[in-house]
Protein backbone atom coordinates (compact mmCIF):
# COMPACT_ATOMS: atom_id res chain seq x y z
CA MET A 1 65.55 -34.33 115.55
CA SER A 2 67.21 -36.19 112.31
CA GLU A 3 64.99 -39.39 112.69
CA GLU A 4 61.71 -37.08 112.17
CA LYS A 5 63.57 -35.51 109.05
CA GLU A 6 64.22 -38.61 107.85
CA THR A 7 60.57 -39.79 108.09
CA LYS A 8 59.46 -36.51 106.38
CA ASN A 9 61.97 -37.45 103.61
CA LYS A 10 60.46 -41.06 102.66
CA LYS A 11 57.54 -41.59 100.60
CA GLY A 12 54.98 -43.88 101.31
CA GLY A 13 53.49 -46.90 99.35
CA ARG A 14 54.95 -49.63 97.69
CA PRO A 15 58.65 -49.56 97.37
CA ARG A 16 59.25 -49.00 93.47
CA LYS A 17 60.07 -52.24 91.60
CA GLU A 18 63.26 -52.40 89.72
CA ILE A 19 62.45 -52.82 85.92
CA ASP A 20 65.14 -54.72 83.70
CA THR A 21 65.14 -51.87 81.10
CA GLU A 22 67.30 -53.60 78.49
CA LEU A 23 64.65 -56.38 78.52
CA LEU A 24 61.94 -53.98 78.18
CA TYR A 25 63.85 -52.00 75.41
CA LYS A 26 64.18 -55.67 73.38
CA LEU A 27 60.51 -56.47 73.89
CA ALA A 28 59.75 -52.78 72.37
CA GLN A 29 62.13 -53.61 69.66
CA ILE A 30 60.33 -56.81 68.40
CA HIS A 31 56.99 -54.90 69.09
CA CYS A 32 55.50 -56.87 71.97
CA THR A 33 51.91 -55.51 73.22
CA MET A 34 51.79 -53.38 76.29
CA LYS A 35 50.07 -56.58 78.00
CA GLU A 36 52.71 -58.86 76.71
CA MET A 37 55.52 -56.31 78.26
CA VAL A 38 53.28 -56.06 81.56
CA ASP A 39 53.33 -60.10 82.05
CA ILE A 40 56.67 -60.60 80.99
CA LEU A 41 58.29 -57.85 83.51
CA GLY A 42 55.46 -58.37 85.94
CA VAL A 43 54.56 -54.61 86.72
CA SER A 44 51.26 -52.67 85.71
CA GLU A 45 50.72 -51.10 82.50
CA ASP A 46 50.38 -47.63 84.26
CA THR A 47 54.14 -48.21 85.42
CA LEU A 48 55.15 -48.98 82.27
CA LYS A 49 53.39 -46.17 80.41
CA ARG A 50 54.82 -43.50 83.22
CA ARG A 51 58.02 -44.55 83.98
CA PHE A 52 59.45 -46.07 80.83
CA ALA A 53 57.51 -44.60 77.93
CA GLY A 54 60.82 -43.30 76.47
CA ILE A 55 62.57 -46.75 76.22
CA ILE A 56 59.42 -48.01 75.26
CA ASP A 57 59.05 -45.59 72.42
CA LYS A 58 63.21 -45.47 71.43
CA GLY A 59 62.68 -49.73 71.38
CA LYS A 60 59.60 -49.38 68.81
CA ALA A 61 61.33 -46.98 66.35
CA GLU A 62 64.55 -48.82 66.47
CA GLY A 63 62.27 -51.79 65.65
CA LYS A 64 60.77 -49.66 62.79
CA MET A 65 64.01 -48.86 61.30
CA ARG A 66 65.66 -52.33 61.28
CA LEU A 67 62.50 -53.96 59.78
CA ARG A 68 62.69 -51.15 56.85
CA ARG A 69 66.17 -51.68 56.71
CA LYS A 70 65.64 -55.68 56.13
CA GLN A 71 62.81 -54.83 53.57
CA ILE A 72 64.84 -52.51 51.63
CA GLU A 73 67.80 -55.51 51.55
CA VAL A 74 65.45 -57.99 50.58
CA ALA A 75 63.93 -55.74 47.63
CA MET A 76 67.03 -54.66 46.53
CA LYS A 77 68.07 -58.29 46.13
CA GLY A 78 65.29 -58.58 43.53
CA ASN A 79 62.08 -59.69 45.47
CA ALA A 80 59.64 -58.29 43.15
CA VAL A 81 56.60 -58.56 45.49
CA MET A 82 59.05 -56.31 47.72
CA LEU A 83 59.98 -53.91 45.23
CA ILE A 84 56.32 -53.20 44.50
CA TRP A 85 55.21 -52.87 47.79
CA LEU A 86 58.14 -50.52 48.88
CA GLY A 87 56.98 -48.61 45.80
CA LYS A 88 53.34 -48.24 46.91
CA GLN A 89 54.37 -47.19 50.35
CA ILE A 90 57.22 -45.15 50.21
CA LEU A 91 56.96 -43.65 46.80
CA SER A 92 53.18 -43.37 46.48
CA GLN A 93 53.06 -45.64 43.44
CA SER A 94 49.96 -47.28 42.24
CA ASP A 95 48.64 -50.05 40.11
CA THR A 96 46.25 -47.41 38.47
CA PRO A 97 48.09 -44.00 38.16
CA ILE A 98 45.89 -41.09 38.40
CA THR A 99 46.91 -38.13 36.27
CA GLU A 100 46.11 -34.69 37.09
CA GLU A 101 43.29 -34.63 34.30
CA ASP A 102 41.50 -37.32 35.57
CA LYS A 103 41.23 -35.51 38.53
CA ASN A 104 39.33 -32.95 37.09
CA VAL A 105 35.39 -32.80 37.78
CA LEU A 106 33.68 -33.53 34.80
CA PRO A 107 31.27 -30.55 33.82
CA TRP A 108 27.47 -31.07 34.24
CA SER A 109 24.50 -29.50 33.01
CA ASP A 110 20.64 -30.17 32.96
CA ASP A 111 20.41 -28.80 29.38
CA ALA A 112 21.63 -32.26 27.97
CA ALA A 113 18.30 -33.75 28.99
CA GLU A 114 16.37 -31.51 26.13
């Protein structure tokens, strides 16, 4: 009877492949593509998305934060190009500022032709 219960509790299909989650996290941090991660880890894209989406998302977020921090460091050391770019991205600055007056629609009248 106990053998019957054991058989019922076992799932069918292939055994789960062990994934090096630390490596997966590092690959996500440097923004490897899903195909690159699949090729390196030797599992399907579906497996990565289904079982490890949280690790991938967290790794990518960490990578973005580190990149942003480095950009700020470079800018603050006097890199004018990076200062300008970050100003445009973060502070919504532009080369051609538009005032509220510039946003108003010009009046239009057909009477001008007379």
